[in-house]
Amino acid sequence: MARQSPEYSDWHNSVGFSGMVLFWVRMMNILEGDCNSVERINQYLKIEQEPATSSTGNPPASLALDGHPPASWPASGELDVRNLSASYSKGGPKVLHGLTFHIKSGERVGVVGRTGAGKSSLSLALLRCIETEGEVYYDALDTRKVSLEALRNSITIIPQVPEMISGSLRENLDPFGEHDDAALNDALRAAGLFALQEDAENKTTAKSVNKTTAAKLTLDTHIASGGSSLSVGQRQIVALARALVRRSRVLVLDEDAYVRDRTYASLSDYRTDSIIQSSLRRQLGSDVTLILIAHRLQTVMDADRIIVLDAGKIVEFDTPRALLSRPEGIFAALVREAPDREKLERVTVE
């Protein structure tokens, strides 16, 4: 056997040592990443759990219940809010200050205000997703004595970007399989999905149809995680159909999502917007209360009443016509600043 030269042996040892150093460096990097994961998991474990009843502690003795409301609750969408304040953390700055208002069952109420006025915070406060003080009566029942699960099951909120799970359209509408296909298709029809698809089919050229709109949706259609396979307008329609299936007495709609879709997408999304608005006006039951968090005045000009927020406080609450009759008011100022001012004023007259 040939004897290896000292130079070769030194080279071999050097390569082996370098490989070991690289291996240990890699292991240290992996260990550091794993430690970060453990630290993050530990942070999640230490997060304070939501209370079962009141977000401000135990409710008064007169309200003490097991958190389960009567089986018939809610029978209406009446809301009575008394001195409601809210913040995003305990002891943190308040984003809502002493809100008091009453909404009749079946009313269509818009919520407007400049950026940061507290519009979206109001919807979170109604669901007790943030720290709240004050009283909220839903169908004459103080929500402090209702469990969070029962409360949030009784109110449907369509957020700025509706969440979708990876699965069929059927699973997104009815994840627990509580309804048959006929009920789900009725909800999709009422929400306007079929009207949107019929409108797309009537287009004379393929170029005028948005690709996501052109694909016909059925209950078996696969929806990508997060709804990325749908336009934002389609997601809004599916979310509205989901609300109709649940038959909630209170529906909260944050309009901002389909405003962005309408602003930046193709002309076909104007049709989507129109269908959504028509469905909201015609397909909700007479006992369903609609709270519309509006970022575009046109969508609330035909509302029964409008709440105007400024710095977390209610500064105006009246019908659109009455608010416009106060030229010194904030709502009138918002209308004057709108590019479609004449159209907005014409809607209130009609």
Protein backbone atom coordinates (compact mmCIF):
# COMPACT_ATOMS: atom_id res chain seq x y z
CA MET A 1 0.00 0.00 0.00
CA ALA A 2 1.27 3.39 -0.93
CA ARG A 3 2.01 5.61 1.99
CA GLN A 4 0.17 8.96 2.04
CA SER A 5 2.34 12.02 1.99
CA PRO A 6 2.33 14.36 5.01
CA GLU A 7 0.98 17.13 2.79
CA TYR A 8 -2.04 15.05 1.79
CA SER A 9 -2.71 14.08 5.40
CA ASP A 10 -2.57 17.71 6.52
CA TRP A 11 -4.92 18.72 3.69
CA HIS A 12 -7.36 15.95 4.56
CA ASN A 13 -7.37 16.93 8.24
CA SER A 14 -7.91 20.57 7.34
CA VAL A 15 -10.90 19.74 5.16
CA GLY A 16 -12.35 17.53 7.87
CA PHE A 17 -11.88 20.21 10.52
CA SER A 18 -13.47 22.86 8.28
CA GLY A 19 -16.44 20.57 7.69
CA MET A 20 -16.89 20.09 11.43
CA VAL A 21 -16.75 23.85 12.02
CA LEU A 22 -19.38 24.46 9.34
CA PHE A 23 -21.53 21.71 10.85
CA TRP A 24 -21.38 23.25 14.32
CA VAL A 25 -22.09 26.74 12.96
CA ARG A 26 -25.14 25.35 11.19
CA MET A 27 -26.29 23.56 14.35
CA MET A 28 -25.92 26.78 16.36
CA ASN A 29 -28.06 28.64 13.83
CA ILE A 30 -30.73 25.95 14.01
CA LEU A 31 -30.60 26.03 17.82
CA GLU A 32 -30.99 29.80 17.82
CA GLY A 33 -34.03 29.55 15.55
CA ASP A 34 -35.55 26.82 17.72
CA CYS A 35 -35.00 28.95 20.84
CA ASN A 36 -36.83 31.82 19.16
CA SER A 37 -39.74 29.47 18.45
CA VAL A 38 -39.82 28.29 22.06
CA GLU A 39 -39.76 31.90 23.24
CA ARG A 40 -42.69 32.79 20.96
CA ILE A 41 -44.68 29.76 22.14
CA ASN A 42 -44.00 30.77 25.74
CA GLN A 43 -45.30 34.26 24.99
CA TYR A 44 -48.52 32.82 23.58
CA LEU A 45 -48.96 30.59 26.63
CA LYS A 46 -48.74 33.66 28.88
CA ILE A 47 -51.40 35.63 26.99
CA GLU A 48 -54.29 36.40 29.31
CA GLN A 49 -57.43 34.49 28.38
CA GLU A 50 -60.64 36.30 27.55
CA PRO A 51 -63.15 36.34 30.40
CA ALA A 52 -66.23 34.19 29.98
CA THR A 53 -68.66 37.01 30.74
CA SER A 54 -67.90 40.67 31.32
CA SER A 55 -64.70 42.14 29.85
CA THR A 56 -64.45 44.37 32.91
CA GLY A 57 -64.56 41.53 35.42
CA ASN A 58 -67.47 39.69 36.99
CA PRO A 59 -70.89 41.21 36.26
CA PRO A 60 -73.00 42.59 39.09
CA ALA A 61 -74.77 40.02 41.26
CA SER A 62 -78.08 40.93 39.64
CA LEU A 63 -76.61 39.80 36.30
CA ALA A 64 -75.07 36.57 37.51
CA LEU A 65 -75.93 33.75 35.10
CA ASP A 66 -74.11 30.77 33.65
CA GLY A 67 -73.50 32.67 30.40
CA HIS A 68 -76.13 30.78 28.43
CA PRO A 69 -78.95 33.03 27.18
CA PRO A 70 -82.51 31.77 26.66
CA ALA A 71 -83.00 29.55 23.62
CA SER A 72 -85.25 32.18 22.03
CA TRP A 73 -82.58 34.89 22.29
CA PRO A 74 -82.14 37.00 20.30
CA ALA A 75 -85.65 37.39 18.92
CA SER A 76 -84.93 40.84 17.51
CA GLY A 77 -82.01 43.02 16.49
CA GLU A 78 -82.69 45.82 18.96
CA LEU A 79 -79.56 47.38 20.46
CA ASP A 80 -79.46 49.72 23.44
CA VAL A 81 -75.98 51.05 24.18
CA ARG A 82 -75.39 53.01 27.39
CA ASN A 83 -72.21 54.91 28.22
CA LEU A 84 -69.96 52.55 26.25
CA SER A 85 -66.22 53.21 26.42
CA ALA A 86 -63.46 51.01 25.03
CA SER A 87 -59.70 50.61 24.84
CA TYR A 88 -57.41 48.10 23.18
CA SER A 89 -55.68 47.11 26.42
CA LYS A 90 -56.32 47.32 30.14
CA GLY A 91 -55.37 50.76 31.33
CA GLY A 92 -54.64 51.86 27.77
CA PRO A 93 -55.96 55.02 26.12
CA LYS A 94 -59.65 54.93 25.34
CA VAL A 95 -60.70 54.87 21.71
CA LEU A 96 -64.42 55.20 22.47
CA HIS A 97 -65.81 57.58 25.06
CA GLY A 98 -69.25 57.22 26.66
CA LEU A 99 -71.28 56.23 23.60
CA THR A 100 -75.03 56.11 24.19
CA PHE A 101 -77.52 55.28 21.44
CA HIS A 102 -80.50 53.09 20.64
CA ILE A 103 -81.07 51.15 17.41
CA LYS A 104 -84.46 49.66 16.64
CA SER A 105 -84.74 46.14 15.32
CA GLY A 106 -84.55 46.11 11.53
CA GLU A 107 -82.94 49.54 11.24
CA ARG A 108 -80.21 50.24 8.72
CA VAL A 109 -77.68 52.43 10.54
CA GLY A 110 -74.53 53.88 9.03
CA VAL A 111 -71.43 54.79 11.02
CA VAL A 112 -69.23 57.49 9.51
CA GLY A 113 -66.34 59.67 10.57
CA ARG A 114 -62.89 60.69 9.56
CA THR A 115 -59.96 58.28 9.77
CA GLY A 116 -59.30 57.32 13.38
CA ALA A 117 -62.73 58.41 14.60
CA GLY A 118 -63.44 54.97 16.09
CA LYS A 119 -65.71 53.38 13.47
CA SER A 120 -64.14 49.92 13.41
CA SER A 121 -63.51 50.09 17.16
CA LEU A 122 -67.27 50.32 17.69
CA SER A 123 -67.85 46.99 15.95
CA LEU A 124 -65.09 45.36 18.03
CA ALA A 125 -66.62 46.78 21.21
CA LEU A 126 -70.04 45.34 20.40
CA LEU A 127 -68.43 41.90 20.11
CA ARG A 128 -66.29 42.51 23.23
CA CYS A 129 -63.09 41.92 21.27
CA ILE A 130 -61.51 44.84 23.13
CA GLU A 131 -61.73 46.13 26.69
CA THR A 132 -65.11 47.76 27.30
CA GLU A 133 -66.95 49.67 30.00
CA GLY A 134 -70.64 50.46 30.06
CA GLU A 135 -73.73 48.50 29.09
CA VAL A 136 -74.90 46.98 25.82
CA TYR A 137 -78.40 45.52 25.72
CA TYR A 138 -79.09 43.20 22.80
CA ASP A 139 -82.76 42.27 22.51
CA ALA A 140 -83.25 43.59 26.07
CA LEU A 141 -80.52 41.31 27.49
CA ASP A 142 -77.36 42.78 29.01
CA THR A 143 -74.51 41.22 27.06
CA ARG A 144 -72.34 41.19 30.19
CA LYS A 145 -74.23 38.12 31.37
CA VAL A 146 -73.85 36.34 28.05
CA SER A 147 -70.80 34.23 27.31
CA LEU A 148 -68.48 35.46 24.58
CA GLU A 149 -69.28 32.39 22.51
CA ALA A 150 -73.03 33.01 22.68
CA LEU A 151 -72.65 36.73 21.99
CA ARG A 152 -70.37 36.31 18.98
CA ASN A 153 -72.54 33.53 17.58
CA SER A 154 -75.51 35.89 17.65
CA ILE A 155 -73.83 38.77 15.79
CA THR A 156 -72.29 38.43 12.35
CA ILE A 157 -69.52 40.78 11.32
CA ILE A 158 -68.19 40.97 7.78
CA PRO A 159 -64.69 42.40 8.30
CA GLN A 160 -62.67 44.54 5.92
CA VAL A 161 -61.16 41.40 4.37
CA PRO A 162 -63.45 38.38 4.94
CA GLU A 163 -61.63 35.24 6.02
CA MET A 164 -61.85 32.11 3.88
CA ILE A 165 -60.56 28.64 4.66
CA SER A 166 -58.98 26.23 2.21
CA GLY A 167 -61.84 24.00 1.13
CA SER A 168 -65.03 23.97 -0.86
CA LEU A 169 -67.43 26.89 -1.07
CA ARG A 170 -69.87 24.72 0.88
CA GLU A 171 -67.38 24.38 3.74
CA ASN A 172 -66.80 28.13 3.79
CA LEU A 173 -70.52 28.83 4.03
CA ASP A 174 -71.35 26.10 6.51
CA PRO A 175 -68.19 24.74 8.17
CA PHE A 176 -70.15 22.60 10.65
CA GLY A 177 -72.50 21.05 8.07
CA GLU A 178 -75.67 22.34 9.71
CA HIS A 179 -77.58 23.23 6.51
CA ASP A 180 -78.51 21.42 3.32
CA ASP A 181 -77.44 22.48 -0.17
CA ALA A 182 -80.80 24.08 -0.92
CA ALA A 183 -80.43 26.50 2.00
CA LEU A 184 -76.86 27.33 1.00
CA ASN A 185 -77.81 27.99 -2.62
CA ASP A 186 -80.71 30.18 -1.47
CA ALA A 187 -78.25 32.22 0.60
CA LEU A 188 -75.87 32.58 -2.35
CA ARG A 189 -78.75 33.68 -4.57
CA ALA A 190 -79.94 36.22 -1.99
CA ALA A 191 -76.40 37.55 -1.53
CA GLY A 192 -76.14 38.13 -5.28
CA LEU A 193 -73.61 35.54 -6.41
CA PHE A 194 -75.85 34.07 -9.09
CA ALA A 195 -76.74 37.55 -10.38
CA LEU A 196 -73.04 38.36 -10.61
CA GLN A 197 -72.33 35.17 -12.55
CA GLU A 198 -75.27 35.70 -14.90
CA ASP A 199 -74.01 39.19 -15.59
CA ALA A 200 -70.56 37.79 -16.42
CA GLU A 201 -72.05 35.20 -18.77
CA ASN A 202 -73.89 37.93 -20.66
CA LYS A 203 -70.67 39.74 -21.54
CA THR A 204 -70.01 39.63 -25.26
CA THR A 205 -66.23 39.43 -25.09
CA ALA A 206 -63.94 37.55 -22.75
CA LYS A 207 -61.73 40.60 -22.39
CA SER A 208 -64.45 42.49 -20.55
CA VAL A 209 -64.74 39.82 -17.88
CA ASN A 210 -62.46 39.65 -14.89
CA LYS A 211 -60.88 36.17 -14.75
CA THR A 212 -61.85 35.57 -11.13
CA THR A 213 -65.40 36.63 -11.88
CA ALA A 214 -65.72 34.57 -15.06
CA ALA A 215 -65.16 31.25 -13.30
CA LYS A 216 -68.57 30.01 -12.22
CA LEU A 217 -68.71 29.19 -8.53
CA THR A 218 -70.65 26.22 -7.18
CA LEU A 219 -70.84 24.68 -3.74
CA ASP A 220 -68.12 22.23 -4.77
CA THR A 221 -65.73 24.91 -6.05
CA HIS A 222 -62.42 24.82 -4.18
CA ILE A 223 -61.53 28.05 -2.40
CA ALA A 224 -57.86 28.75 -1.77
CA SER A 225 -56.68 29.62 1.73
CA GLY A 226 -57.50 33.23 2.54
CA GLY A 227 -59.80 33.43 -0.48
CA SER A 228 -56.94 34.29 -2.82
CA SER A 229 -58.76 32.57 -5.69
CA LEU A 230 -61.63 35.08 -5.40
CA SER A 231 -61.85 38.81 -5.93
CA VAL A 232 -62.48 40.91 -2.82
CA GLY A 233 -66.01 41.56 -4.09
CA GLN A 234 -66.68 37.84 -4.42
CA ARG A 235 -65.37 37.32 -0.91
CA GLN A 236 -67.80 39.96 0.33
CA ILE A 237 -70.68 38.19 -1.41
CA VAL A 238 -69.69 34.83 0.07
CA ALA A 239 -69.34 36.44 3.51
CA LEU A 240 -72.78 38.02 3.13
CA ALA A 241 -74.23 34.63 2.14
CA ARG A 242 -72.59 33.14 5.23
CA ALA A 243 -74.33 35.79 7.33
CA LEU A 244 -77.68 35.00 5.72
CA VAL A 245 -77.20 31.31 6.47
CA ARG A 246 -76.55 32.09 10.13
CA ARG A 247 -79.75 34.19 10.35
CA SER A 248 -78.15 36.64 12.77
CA ARG A 249 -80.35 39.44 14.04
CA VAL A 250 -77.45 41.93 13.92
CA LEU A 251 -75.15 42.23 10.92
CA VAL A 252 -72.09 44.49 11.03
CA LEU A 253 -70.46 45.23 7.69
CA ASP A 254 -67.13 47.00 7.39
CA GLU A 255 -67.39 48.50 3.93
CA ASP A 256 -63.69 49.25 3.42
CA ALA A 257 -62.88 45.94 1.73
CA TYR A 258 -65.01 46.31 -1.33
CA VAL A 259 -64.26 50.02 -1.53
CA ARG A 260 -60.64 49.06 -2.27
CA ASP A 261 -61.84 46.41 -4.69
CA ARG A 262 -64.05 48.94 -6.43
CA THR A 263 -61.32 51.56 -6.57
CA TYR A 264 -58.45 49.47 -7.87
CA ALA A 265 -60.07 46.59 -9.73
CA SER A 266 -61.74 46.36 -13.10
CA LEU A 267 -65.07 47.77 -14.15
CA SER A 268 -66.74 44.44 -13.39
CA ASP A 269 -66.32 45.21 -9.67
CA TYR A 270 -68.69 48.17 -10.03
CA ARG A 271 -71.34 45.57 -10.78
CA THR A 272 -70.23 43.56 -7.73
CA ASP A 273 -70.61 46.63 -5.54
CA SER A 274 -74.09 47.30 -6.93
CA ILE A 275 -75.18 43.71 -6.30
CA ILE A 276 -73.93 43.79 -2.71
CA GLN A 277 -75.78 47.01 -1.99
CA SER A 278 -78.98 45.66 -3.56
CA SER A 279 -78.76 42.48 -1.48
CA LEU A 280 -78.27 44.45 1.72
CA ARG A 281 -81.37 46.52 0.99
CA ARG A 282 -83.69 43.74 -0.17
CA GLN A 283 -82.62 40.39 1.22
CA LEU A 284 -82.18 41.08 4.93
CA GLY A 285 -85.19 40.25 7.06
CA SER A 286 -87.31 43.02 8.53
CA ASP A 287 -86.02 42.08 11.99
CA VAL A 288 -82.32 42.16 11.01
CA THR A 289 -80.39 45.22 12.11
CA LEU A 290 -77.63 46.35 9.74
CA ILE A 291 -74.74 48.43 11.05
CA LEU A 292 -72.68 49.66 8.12
CA ILE A 293 -69.18 50.93 8.94
CA ALA A 294 -68.93 53.28 5.98
CA HIS A 295 -65.80 54.61 4.33
CA ARG A 296 -67.78 55.89 1.38
CA LEU A 297 -70.74 58.16 2.02
CA GLN A 298 -72.74 56.91 -0.94
CA THR A 299 -73.45 53.60 0.80
CA VAL A 300 -75.15 55.20 3.81
CA MET A 301 -77.06 58.09 2.27
CA ASP A 302 -80.23 55.99 2.15
CA ALA A 303 -79.77 54.59 5.67
CA ASP A 304 -82.50 55.07 8.25
CA ARG A 305 -80.08 56.94 10.50
CA ILE A 306 -76.39 57.73 10.64
CA ILE A 307 -74.02 57.80 13.61
CA VAL A 308 -71.25 60.38 13.18
CA LEU A 309 -68.14 59.70 15.25
CA ASP A 310 -65.34 62.12 16.01
CA ALA A 311 -62.40 61.24 18.28
CA GLY A 312 -64.31 58.28 19.70
CA LYS A 313 -67.44 60.26 20.57
CA ILE A 314 -70.89 60.46 18.98
CA VAL A 315 -71.29 64.01 17.76
CA GLU A 316 -74.35 63.47 15.57
CA PHE A 317 -77.02 60.79 15.23
CA ASP A 318 -79.99 61.40 12.95
CA THR A 319 -81.43 60.77 9.51
CA PRO A 320 -79.26 61.73 6.51
CA ARG A 321 -81.64 64.53 5.54
CA ALA A 322 -81.64 65.99 9.05
CA LEU A 323 -77.85 65.84 9.24
CA LEU A 324 -77.48 67.61 5.90
CA SER A 325 -79.77 70.37 7.14
CA ARG A 326 -77.09 71.32 9.69
CA PRO A 327 -74.41 73.05 7.60
CA GLU A 328 -72.15 73.45 10.63
CA GLY A 329 -72.21 69.71 11.36
CA ILE A 330 -69.43 67.22 10.67
CA PHE A 331 -71.57 65.06 8.38
CA ALA A 332 -72.51 68.04 6.22
CA ALA A 333 -68.81 68.93 6.02
CA LEU A 334 -67.94 65.39 4.91
CA VAL A 335 -70.55 65.59 2.16
CA ARG A 336 -69.26 68.98 0.99
CA GLU A 337 -65.75 67.53 0.74
CA ALA A 338 -66.89 64.50 -1.29
CA PRO A 339 -66.20 64.58 -5.06
CA ASP A 340 -69.75 63.33 -5.74
CA ARG A 341 -71.44 65.88 -3.49
CA GLU A 342 -74.39 66.58 -5.79
CA LYS A 343 -75.16 62.89 -6.17
CA LEU A 344 -75.09 62.38 -2.40
CA GLU A 345 -77.45 65.26 -1.78
CA ARG A 346 -79.78 64.00 -4.50
CA VAL A 347 -80.05 60.58 -2.81
CA THR A 348 -81.35 62.13 0.40
CA VAL A 349 -83.97 64.11 -1.50
CA GLU A 350 -85.21 61.01 -3.30
